N, C-alpha and C. Protein backbone atom coordinates (compact mmCIF):
# COMPACT_ATOMS: atom_id res chain seq x y z
N UNK A 1 -6.08 15.58 34.11
CA UNK A 1 -4.98 14.83 33.54
C UNK A 1 -5.13 14.80 32.02
N UNK A 2 -4.07 15.02 31.30
CA UNK A 2 -4.09 15.05 29.85
C UNK A 2 -3.62 13.70 29.30
N UNK A 3 -4.58 12.87 28.87
CA UNK A 3 -4.26 11.54 28.34
C UNK A 3 -4.17 11.66 26.82
N UNK A 4 -3.03 11.24 26.22
CA UNK A 4 -2.89 11.36 24.77
C UNK A 4 -3.88 10.46 24.02
N UNK A 5 -4.36 10.95 22.92
CA UNK A 5 -5.28 10.18 22.08
C UNK A 5 -4.51 9.04 21.41
N UNK A 6 -5.22 8.02 20.92
CA UNK A 6 -4.55 6.96 20.19
C UNK A 6 -3.75 7.49 18.98
N UNK A 7 -4.30 8.49 18.30
CA UNK A 7 -3.60 9.07 17.16
C UNK A 7 -2.31 9.75 17.60
N UNK A 8 -2.37 10.48 18.71
CA UNK A 8 -1.16 11.14 19.22
C UNK A 8 -0.11 10.11 19.63
N UNK A 9 -0.54 9.01 20.24
CA UNK A 9 0.41 7.97 20.64
C UNK A 9 1.05 7.31 19.42
N UNK A 10 0.24 7.02 18.40
CA UNK A 10 0.77 6.43 17.18
C UNK A 10 1.72 7.40 16.48
N UNK A 11 1.35 8.67 16.42
CA UNK A 11 2.21 9.68 15.79
C UNK A 11 3.55 9.80 16.52
N UNK A 12 3.48 9.79 17.85
CA UNK A 12 4.71 9.89 18.64
C UNK A 12 5.62 8.68 18.38
N UNK A 13 5.03 7.48 18.32
CA UNK A 13 5.84 6.29 18.04
C UNK A 13 6.46 6.37 16.65
N UNK A 14 5.63 6.73 15.65
CA UNK A 14 6.14 6.83 14.27
C UNK A 14 7.25 7.87 14.17
N UNK A 15 7.12 9.00 14.85
CA UNK A 15 8.16 10.04 14.81
C UNK A 15 9.47 9.51 15.39
N UNK A 16 9.38 8.80 16.51
CA UNK A 16 10.57 8.22 17.11
C UNK A 16 11.22 7.18 16.23
N UNK A 17 10.38 6.33 15.64
CA UNK A 17 10.89 5.29 14.74
C UNK A 17 11.52 5.93 13.50
N UNK A 18 10.86 6.94 12.94
CA UNK A 18 11.38 7.63 11.76
C UNK A 18 12.73 8.26 12.06
N UNK A 19 12.87 8.88 13.23
CA UNK A 19 14.15 9.50 13.61
C UNK A 19 15.25 8.45 13.74
N UNK A 20 14.92 7.32 14.34
CA UNK A 20 15.92 6.26 14.51
C UNK A 20 16.37 5.68 13.17
N UNK A 21 15.41 5.40 12.27
CA UNK A 21 15.82 4.81 10.98
C UNK A 21 16.51 5.84 10.09
N UNK A 22 16.15 7.12 10.23
CA UNK A 22 16.83 8.16 9.45
C UNK A 22 18.30 8.25 9.83
N UNK A 23 18.59 8.04 11.12
CA UNK A 23 19.98 8.06 11.59
C UNK A 23 20.66 6.69 11.43
N UNK A 24 19.90 5.72 10.92
CA UNK A 24 20.38 4.34 10.79
C UNK A 24 20.78 3.78 12.17
N UNK A 25 20.07 4.20 13.20
CA UNK A 25 20.31 3.74 14.57
C UNK A 25 19.39 2.55 14.82
N UNK A 26 19.85 1.38 14.42
CA UNK A 26 19.04 0.17 14.49
C UNK A 26 18.73 -0.19 15.94
N UNK A 27 19.68 -0.01 16.84
CA UNK A 27 19.44 -0.32 18.25
C UNK A 27 18.29 0.53 18.81
N UNK A 28 18.28 1.81 18.48
CA UNK A 28 17.20 2.69 18.95
C UNK A 28 15.87 2.30 18.31
N UNK A 29 15.89 1.94 17.05
CA UNK A 29 14.66 1.53 16.37
C UNK A 29 14.10 0.26 17.00
N UNK A 30 14.95 -0.72 17.22
CA UNK A 30 14.50 -2.00 17.78
C UNK A 30 14.07 -1.85 19.23
N UNK A 31 14.65 -0.91 19.97
CA UNK A 31 14.25 -0.67 21.35
C UNK A 31 12.81 -0.18 21.45
N UNK A 32 12.23 0.27 20.34
CA UNK A 32 10.86 0.75 20.33
C UNK A 32 9.85 -0.39 20.19
N UNK A 33 10.34 -1.63 20.02
CA UNK A 33 9.48 -2.80 19.85
C UNK A 33 9.34 -3.54 21.17
N UNK A 34 8.18 -4.13 21.37
CA UNK A 34 7.91 -4.99 22.52
C UNK A 34 8.76 -6.26 22.39
N UNK A 35 9.14 -6.90 23.49
CA UNK A 35 9.88 -8.17 23.37
C UNK A 35 9.13 -9.22 22.54
N UNK A 36 7.78 -9.23 22.65
CA UNK A 36 6.97 -10.08 21.77
C UNK A 36 6.49 -9.18 20.65
N UNK A 37 7.18 -9.23 19.50
CA UNK A 37 6.81 -8.34 18.40
C UNK A 37 6.90 -9.09 17.08
N UNK A 38 6.17 -8.54 16.12
CA UNK A 38 6.08 -9.15 14.79
C UNK A 38 6.21 -8.05 13.75
N UNK A 39 6.88 -8.37 12.68
CA UNK A 39 7.10 -7.39 11.60
C UNK A 39 6.85 -8.10 10.30
N UNK A 40 5.96 -7.56 9.48
CA UNK A 40 5.69 -8.12 8.15
C UNK A 40 5.97 -7.04 7.12
N UNK A 41 6.69 -7.43 6.08
CA UNK A 41 6.98 -6.51 4.99
C UNK A 41 6.50 -7.12 3.69
N UNK A 42 5.70 -6.36 2.96
CA UNK A 42 5.23 -6.79 1.65
C UNK A 42 5.90 -5.91 0.60
N UNK A 43 7.09 -6.29 0.21
CA UNK A 43 7.86 -5.72 -0.89
C UNK A 43 8.53 -4.38 -0.60
N UNK A 44 8.03 -3.56 0.30
CA UNK A 44 8.53 -2.19 0.43
C UNK A 44 9.97 -2.09 0.92
N UNK A 45 10.39 -2.89 1.84
CA UNK A 45 11.77 -2.86 2.34
C UNK A 45 12.60 -4.00 1.75
N UNK A 46 12.02 -5.18 1.69
CA UNK A 46 12.77 -6.40 1.37
C UNK A 46 12.63 -6.85 -0.08
N UNK A 47 11.74 -6.25 -0.85
CA UNK A 47 11.41 -6.68 -2.20
C UNK A 47 10.95 -8.14 -2.21
N UNK A 48 10.30 -8.51 -1.11
CA UNK A 48 9.80 -9.86 -0.94
C UNK A 48 8.68 -9.81 0.08
N UNK A 49 8.11 -10.94 0.39
CA UNK A 49 7.11 -11.03 1.45
C UNK A 49 7.80 -11.68 2.64
N UNK A 50 7.98 -10.91 3.70
CA UNK A 50 8.73 -11.38 4.87
C UNK A 50 7.89 -11.24 6.13
N UNK A 51 7.95 -12.26 6.96
CA UNK A 51 7.34 -12.23 8.28
C UNK A 51 8.44 -12.47 9.29
N UNK A 52 8.61 -11.54 10.22
CA UNK A 52 9.68 -11.64 11.20
C UNK A 52 9.08 -11.67 12.60
N UNK A 53 9.74 -12.38 13.50
CA UNK A 53 9.28 -12.48 14.87
C UNK A 53 10.43 -12.17 15.81
N UNK A 54 10.22 -11.19 16.68
CA UNK A 54 11.20 -10.85 17.70
C UNK A 54 12.15 -9.74 17.30
N UNK A 55 12.69 -9.04 18.30
CA UNK A 55 13.58 -7.91 18.05
C UNK A 55 14.85 -8.27 17.26
N UNK A 56 15.42 -9.44 17.50
CA UNK A 56 16.65 -9.82 16.79
C UNK A 56 16.41 -9.96 15.28
N UNK A 57 15.30 -10.58 14.91
CA UNK A 57 14.97 -10.73 13.49
C UNK A 57 14.69 -9.37 12.84
N UNK A 58 14.01 -8.51 13.57
CA UNK A 58 13.71 -7.17 13.06
C UNK A 58 15.01 -6.37 12.89
N UNK A 59 15.91 -6.47 13.85
CA UNK A 59 17.21 -5.78 13.75
C UNK A 59 17.98 -6.27 12.53
N UNK A 60 17.99 -7.58 12.29
CA UNK A 60 18.71 -8.12 11.14
C UNK A 60 18.11 -7.62 9.83
N UNK A 61 16.78 -7.55 9.76
CA UNK A 61 16.13 -7.06 8.54
C UNK A 61 16.44 -5.58 8.33
N UNK A 62 16.38 -4.78 9.38
CA UNK A 62 16.69 -3.35 9.25
C UNK A 62 18.15 -3.16 8.82
N UNK A 63 19.04 -3.93 9.40
CA UNK A 63 20.46 -3.86 9.04
C UNK A 63 20.65 -4.14 7.54
N UNK A 64 19.92 -5.12 7.04
CA UNK A 64 20.07 -5.52 5.64
C UNK A 64 19.37 -4.59 4.65
N UNK A 65 18.35 -3.84 5.09
CA UNK A 65 17.52 -3.12 4.12
C UNK A 65 17.51 -1.60 4.22
N UNK A 66 17.87 -1.04 5.36
CA UNK A 66 17.71 0.41 5.55
C UNK A 66 18.49 1.24 4.54
N UNK A 67 19.70 0.86 4.26
CA UNK A 67 20.53 1.64 3.35
C UNK A 67 19.91 1.75 1.96
N UNK A 68 19.34 0.67 1.47
CA UNK A 68 18.71 0.69 0.14
C UNK A 68 17.32 1.29 0.15
N UNK A 69 16.56 1.00 1.19
CA UNK A 69 15.16 1.47 1.23
C UNK A 69 15.06 2.97 1.49
N UNK A 70 15.90 3.50 2.37
CA UNK A 70 15.87 4.93 2.72
C UNK A 70 14.45 5.42 3.04
N UNK A 71 13.79 4.82 4.04
CA UNK A 71 12.41 5.22 4.33
C UNK A 71 12.32 6.62 4.92
N UNK A 72 11.29 7.35 4.49
CA UNK A 72 11.05 8.73 4.97
C UNK A 72 9.54 8.98 5.01
N UNK A 73 9.18 10.18 5.41
CA UNK A 73 7.81 10.71 5.33
C UNK A 73 6.80 9.83 6.07
N UNK A 74 7.14 9.38 7.25
CA UNK A 74 6.23 8.57 8.06
C UNK A 74 5.14 9.47 8.63
N UNK A 75 3.87 9.11 8.42
CA UNK A 75 2.78 9.91 8.98
C UNK A 75 1.53 9.06 9.15
N UNK A 76 0.81 9.33 10.22
CA UNK A 76 -0.45 8.63 10.46
C UNK A 76 -1.42 9.04 9.36
N UNK A 77 -2.09 8.04 8.74
CA UNK A 77 -2.95 8.30 7.59
C UNK A 77 -4.37 8.68 7.98
N UNK A 78 -4.84 8.21 9.11
CA UNK A 78 -6.19 8.53 9.56
C UNK A 78 -6.25 8.33 11.07
N UNK A 79 -7.39 8.62 11.65
CA UNK A 79 -7.52 8.52 13.11
C UNK A 79 -7.22 7.11 13.57
N UNK A 80 -6.38 7.00 14.58
CA UNK A 80 -6.05 5.71 15.18
C UNK A 80 -7.17 5.33 16.15
N UNK A 81 -7.20 4.04 16.50
CA UNK A 81 -8.20 3.56 17.46
C UNK A 81 -7.51 2.80 18.58
N UNK A 82 -8.24 2.58 19.66
CA UNK A 82 -7.70 1.81 20.76
C UNK A 82 -8.76 0.88 21.30
N UNK A 83 -8.40 -0.38 21.48
CA UNK A 83 -9.30 -1.38 22.06
C UNK A 83 -8.46 -2.37 22.86
N UNK A 84 -8.92 -2.67 24.05
CA UNK A 84 -8.23 -3.63 24.93
C UNK A 84 -6.77 -3.27 25.16
N UNK A 85 -6.48 -1.98 25.24
CA UNK A 85 -5.12 -1.54 25.52
C UNK A 85 -4.18 -1.56 24.33
N UNK A 86 -4.71 -1.81 23.13
CA UNK A 86 -3.89 -1.86 21.92
C UNK A 86 -4.30 -0.72 21.00
N UNK A 87 -3.34 0.13 20.65
CA UNK A 87 -3.57 1.22 19.70
C UNK A 87 -3.30 0.68 18.30
N UNK A 88 -4.21 0.96 17.37
CA UNK A 88 -4.04 0.56 15.97
C UNK A 88 -4.08 1.79 15.09
N UNK A 89 -3.15 1.86 14.14
CA UNK A 89 -3.09 3.02 13.25
C UNK A 89 -2.61 2.62 11.87
N UNK A 90 -3.19 3.25 10.86
CA UNK A 90 -2.68 3.15 9.49
C UNK A 90 -1.75 4.32 9.28
N UNK A 91 -0.67 4.09 8.52
CA UNK A 91 0.27 5.17 8.27
C UNK A 91 0.79 5.08 6.84
N UNK A 92 1.30 6.20 6.36
CA UNK A 92 1.91 6.29 5.04
C UNK A 92 3.40 6.53 5.21
N UNK A 93 4.17 6.13 4.22
CA UNK A 93 5.62 6.35 4.22
C UNK A 93 6.12 6.26 2.79
N UNK A 94 7.32 6.73 2.58
CA UNK A 94 7.99 6.63 1.29
C UNK A 94 9.29 5.87 1.48
N UNK A 95 9.75 5.23 0.40
CA UNK A 95 11.11 4.71 0.37
C UNK A 95 11.80 5.40 -0.80
N UNK A 96 13.03 5.02 -1.07
CA UNK A 96 13.76 5.64 -2.17
C UNK A 96 13.04 5.45 -3.50
N UNK A 97 12.32 4.34 -3.67
CA UNK A 97 11.71 4.04 -4.96
C UNK A 97 10.20 3.83 -4.92
N UNK A 98 9.58 3.93 -3.74
CA UNK A 98 8.16 3.62 -3.68
C UNK A 98 7.42 4.45 -2.64
N UNK A 99 6.10 4.35 -2.72
CA UNK A 99 5.23 4.88 -1.68
C UNK A 99 4.54 3.70 -1.03
N UNK A 100 4.31 3.80 0.28
CA UNK A 100 3.73 2.66 0.96
C UNK A 100 2.71 3.06 2.00
N UNK A 101 2.06 2.05 2.50
CA UNK A 101 1.10 2.19 3.58
C UNK A 101 1.40 1.09 4.59
N UNK A 102 1.16 1.38 5.85
CA UNK A 102 1.44 0.39 6.88
C UNK A 102 0.38 0.36 7.95
N UNK A 103 0.51 -0.64 8.80
CA UNK A 103 -0.40 -0.83 9.92
C UNK A 103 0.45 -1.05 11.16
N UNK A 104 0.15 -0.32 12.20
CA UNK A 104 0.92 -0.33 13.45
C UNK A 104 0.00 -0.72 14.59
N UNK A 105 0.48 -1.58 15.48
CA UNK A 105 -0.21 -1.89 16.72
C UNK A 105 0.75 -1.66 17.87
N UNK A 106 0.31 -0.87 18.83
CA UNK A 106 1.12 -0.56 20.00
C UNK A 106 0.49 -1.17 21.24
N UNK A 107 1.32 -1.78 22.07
CA UNK A 107 0.93 -2.18 23.42
C UNK A 107 1.70 -1.25 24.34
N UNK A 108 0.98 -0.41 25.04
CA UNK A 108 1.66 0.64 25.82
C UNK A 108 2.32 1.59 24.82
N UNK A 109 3.62 1.81 24.99
CA UNK A 109 4.35 2.67 24.05
C UNK A 109 5.30 1.87 23.17
N UNK A 110 5.12 0.55 23.16
CA UNK A 110 6.00 -0.32 22.36
C UNK A 110 5.21 -0.93 21.22
N UNK A 111 5.90 -1.15 20.11
CA UNK A 111 5.27 -1.74 18.93
C UNK A 111 5.10 -3.25 19.14
N UNK A 112 3.90 -3.71 18.93
CA UNK A 112 3.61 -5.14 18.98
C UNK A 112 3.68 -5.71 17.57
N UNK A 113 3.01 -5.06 16.60
CA UNK A 113 3.07 -5.51 15.21
C UNK A 113 3.28 -4.31 14.29
N UNK A 114 4.05 -4.52 13.25
CA UNK A 114 4.31 -3.49 12.25
C UNK A 114 4.25 -4.13 10.87
N UNK A 115 3.38 -3.61 10.03
CA UNK A 115 3.23 -4.08 8.66
C UNK A 115 3.58 -2.94 7.73
N UNK A 116 4.41 -3.20 6.71
CA UNK A 116 4.67 -2.21 5.66
C UNK A 116 4.37 -2.85 4.32
N UNK A 117 3.68 -2.11 3.46
CA UNK A 117 3.32 -2.61 2.13
C UNK A 117 3.64 -1.56 1.08
N UNK A 118 4.09 -2.00 -0.07
CA UNK A 118 4.33 -1.07 -1.18
C UNK A 118 3.01 -0.84 -1.91
N UNK A 119 2.69 0.42 -2.15
CA UNK A 119 1.50 0.76 -2.91
C UNK A 119 1.81 1.02 -4.37
N UNK A 120 2.91 1.73 -4.63
CA UNK A 120 3.26 2.05 -6.01
C UNK A 120 4.73 2.41 -6.11
N UNK A 121 5.27 2.16 -7.30
CA UNK A 121 6.65 2.56 -7.59
C UNK A 121 6.65 4.01 -8.04
N UNK A 122 7.57 4.79 -7.53
CA UNK A 122 7.68 6.19 -7.97
C UNK A 122 8.06 6.21 -9.44
N UNK A 123 7.39 7.07 -10.19
CA UNK A 123 7.63 7.17 -11.62
C UNK A 123 6.78 6.21 -12.44
N UNK A 124 6.06 5.30 -11.78
CA UNK A 124 5.19 4.34 -12.46
C UNK A 124 3.83 4.28 -11.76
N UNK A 125 3.36 5.42 -11.31
CA UNK A 125 2.12 5.50 -10.57
C UNK A 125 0.95 5.12 -11.47
N UNK A 126 -0.06 4.51 -10.87
CA UNK A 126 -1.27 4.18 -11.60
C UNK A 126 -1.99 5.48 -11.95
N UNK A 127 -2.46 5.58 -13.17
CA UNK A 127 -3.19 6.77 -13.59
C UNK A 127 -4.64 6.63 -13.14
N UNK A 128 -4.86 6.96 -11.87
CA UNK A 128 -6.19 6.86 -11.28
C UNK A 128 -6.51 8.17 -10.58
N UNK A 129 -7.79 8.39 -10.36
CA UNK A 129 -8.21 9.61 -9.66
C UNK A 129 -7.79 10.85 -10.41
N UNK A 130 -7.14 11.77 -9.73
CA UNK A 130 -6.73 13.05 -10.33
C UNK A 130 -5.65 12.85 -11.39
N UNK A 131 -4.91 11.75 -11.34
CA UNK A 131 -3.84 11.50 -12.33
C UNK A 131 -4.35 10.86 -13.61
N UNK A 132 -5.61 10.45 -13.64
CA UNK A 132 -6.15 9.78 -14.81
C UNK A 132 -6.32 10.76 -15.96
N UNK A 133 -5.91 10.36 -17.16
CA UNK A 133 -6.08 11.20 -18.35
C UNK A 133 -7.57 11.35 -18.65
N UNK A 134 -7.98 12.56 -18.96
CA UNK A 134 -9.38 12.85 -19.24
C UNK A 134 -9.66 12.75 -20.74
N UNK A 135 -10.76 12.11 -21.11
CA UNK A 135 -11.20 12.07 -22.50
C UNK A 135 -10.34 11.26 -23.44
N UNK A 136 -9.64 10.27 -22.95
CA UNK A 136 -8.77 9.47 -23.80
C UNK A 136 -9.60 8.42 -24.53
N UNK A 137 -9.38 8.29 -25.84
CA UNK A 137 -10.00 7.22 -26.62
C UNK A 137 -8.92 6.16 -26.82
N UNK A 138 -9.10 5.03 -26.19
CA UNK A 138 -8.10 3.98 -26.23
C UNK A 138 -8.21 3.17 -27.52
N UNK A 139 -7.09 2.81 -28.09
CA UNK A 139 -7.04 2.10 -29.36
C UNK A 139 -7.81 0.80 -29.36
N UNK A 140 -7.71 0.01 -28.35
CA UNK A 140 -8.41 -1.28 -28.30
C UNK A 140 -9.91 -1.06 -28.31
N UNK A 141 -10.39 -0.04 -27.60
CA UNK A 141 -11.82 0.25 -27.57
C UNK A 141 -12.31 0.69 -28.95
N UNK A 142 -11.55 1.61 -29.58
CA UNK A 142 -11.95 2.09 -30.91
C UNK A 142 -12.00 0.94 -31.92
N UNK A 143 -11.00 0.06 -31.86
CA UNK A 143 -10.96 -1.09 -32.79
C UNK A 143 -12.15 -2.00 -32.56
N UNK A 144 -12.51 -2.27 -31.30
CA UNK A 144 -13.65 -3.14 -31.03
C UNK A 144 -14.95 -2.50 -31.50
N UNK A 145 -15.05 -1.17 -31.37
CA UNK A 145 -16.24 -0.48 -31.85
C UNK A 145 -16.35 -0.58 -33.37
N UNK A 146 -15.20 -0.36 -34.05
CA UNK A 146 -15.20 -0.44 -35.51
C UNK A 146 -15.55 -1.86 -35.96
N UNK A 147 -14.92 -2.85 -35.36
CA UNK A 147 -15.17 -4.25 -35.69
C UNK A 147 -16.62 -4.60 -35.37
N UNK A 148 -17.11 -4.12 -34.24
CA UNK A 148 -18.47 -4.42 -33.82
C UNK A 148 -19.50 -3.85 -34.77
N UNK A 149 -19.30 -2.61 -35.24
CA UNK A 149 -20.28 -2.02 -36.14
C UNK A 149 -20.26 -2.69 -37.51
N UNK A 150 -19.08 -3.14 -37.99
CA UNK A 150 -19.06 -3.84 -39.28
C UNK A 150 -19.69 -5.23 -39.14
N UNK A 151 -19.52 -5.86 -37.98
CA UNK A 151 -20.15 -7.16 -37.73
C UNK A 151 -21.66 -6.99 -37.65
N UNK A 152 -22.12 -5.92 -37.00
CA UNK A 152 -23.56 -5.67 -36.94
C UNK A 152 -24.12 -5.39 -38.33
N UNK A 153 -23.39 -4.63 -39.14
CA UNK A 153 -23.86 -4.32 -40.50
C UNK A 153 -23.97 -5.60 -41.32
N UNK A 154 -22.98 -6.51 -41.21
CA UNK A 154 -23.02 -7.77 -41.95
C UNK A 154 -24.22 -8.61 -41.51
N UNK A 155 -24.46 -8.67 -40.19
CA UNK A 155 -25.57 -9.44 -39.64
C UNK A 155 -26.90 -8.83 -40.11
N UNK A 156 -27.00 -7.49 -40.11
CA UNK A 156 -28.24 -6.83 -40.55
C UNK A 156 -28.52 -7.12 -42.02
N UNK A 157 -27.46 -7.09 -42.87
CA UNK A 157 -27.64 -7.41 -44.30
C UNK A 157 -28.11 -8.85 -44.47
N UNK A 158 -27.53 -9.76 -43.68
CA UNK A 158 -27.92 -11.17 -43.76
C UNK A 158 -29.39 -11.34 -43.41
N UNK A 159 -29.84 -10.71 -42.33
CA UNK A 159 -31.23 -10.84 -41.92
C UNK A 159 -32.18 -10.15 -42.89
N UNK A 160 -31.71 -9.06 -43.50
CA UNK A 160 -32.56 -8.33 -44.43
C UNK A 160 -32.80 -9.16 -45.69
N UNK A 161 -31.81 -9.94 -46.13
CA UNK A 161 -31.95 -10.70 -47.36
C UNK A 161 -32.49 -12.11 -47.12
N UNK A 162 -32.27 -12.68 -45.96
CA UNK A 162 -32.70 -14.06 -45.71
C UNK A 162 -33.73 -14.18 -44.60
N UNK A 163 -33.99 -13.12 -43.93
CA UNK A 163 -34.95 -13.15 -42.83
C UNK A 163 -34.25 -13.45 -41.50
N UNK A 164 -34.92 -13.11 -40.47
CA UNK A 164 -34.36 -13.31 -39.12
C UNK A 164 -34.31 -14.80 -38.79
N UNK A 165 -33.21 -15.24 -38.16
CA UNK A 165 -33.16 -16.64 -37.78
C UNK A 165 -34.29 -17.00 -36.80
N UNK A 166 -34.78 -16.05 -36.05
CA UNK A 166 -35.87 -16.32 -35.10
C UNK A 166 -37.18 -16.48 -35.86
N UNK A 167 -37.42 -15.65 -36.89
CA UNK A 167 -38.68 -15.69 -37.64
C UNK A 167 -38.79 -16.95 -38.48
N UNK A 168 -37.67 -17.52 -38.93
CA UNK A 168 -37.74 -18.69 -39.80
C UNK A 168 -37.83 -19.99 -39.02
N UNK A 169 -37.86 -19.95 -37.70
CA UNK A 169 -37.94 -21.18 -36.91
C UNK A 169 -39.32 -21.72 -36.89
C-alpha cells in the first residue's frame, strides 16, 4: 500500500487551496477546512493581525481580501511532520505586494489551522545574506571612528601632560 508522506499530503492540500483561491472560488477553498478550524493572518492578507474561528469567518475574510492580496506561489518550505494524526508543514507564498511564510496543520485531509505571515514587502527587501552589499563603509560608523580617534588623541595629550588619572591617585 502506498501511504503518502506528510509532505506529500501538505503539498496536495496547498495545491488544492492555491487552485481555489486563484479562481476566487471561496466555497471550494473553505470546503478544504475542517468544521473546527482556525485561521490567523499576520499582515499578509488583512494588513492587520486577525484570528478567525470557523469556516464562515474564514469565508468572510477571503471574500474581503483575495482580490487585493492575489496570493500565488504556494509551496511547502521544508519536510512536513506528522504526530497524533496531525500533519504540520511550513510553506512559502507570495501576495501582490509581499512574500510570506505560513504554518499549516491538517487533520486527515482537512485544514485544522492555517497561519500566514508577511516576511517582506516586495521592492523593500532587507539587504541580508546574498542581497547584502559587500564592503560598504557606512557613514555613521566612519563618523564614530573619526570622533573616537580625535577623542583618544585629546585624552592621550591630557595624560601625557598631566599624568594618568590612575597614577595620580
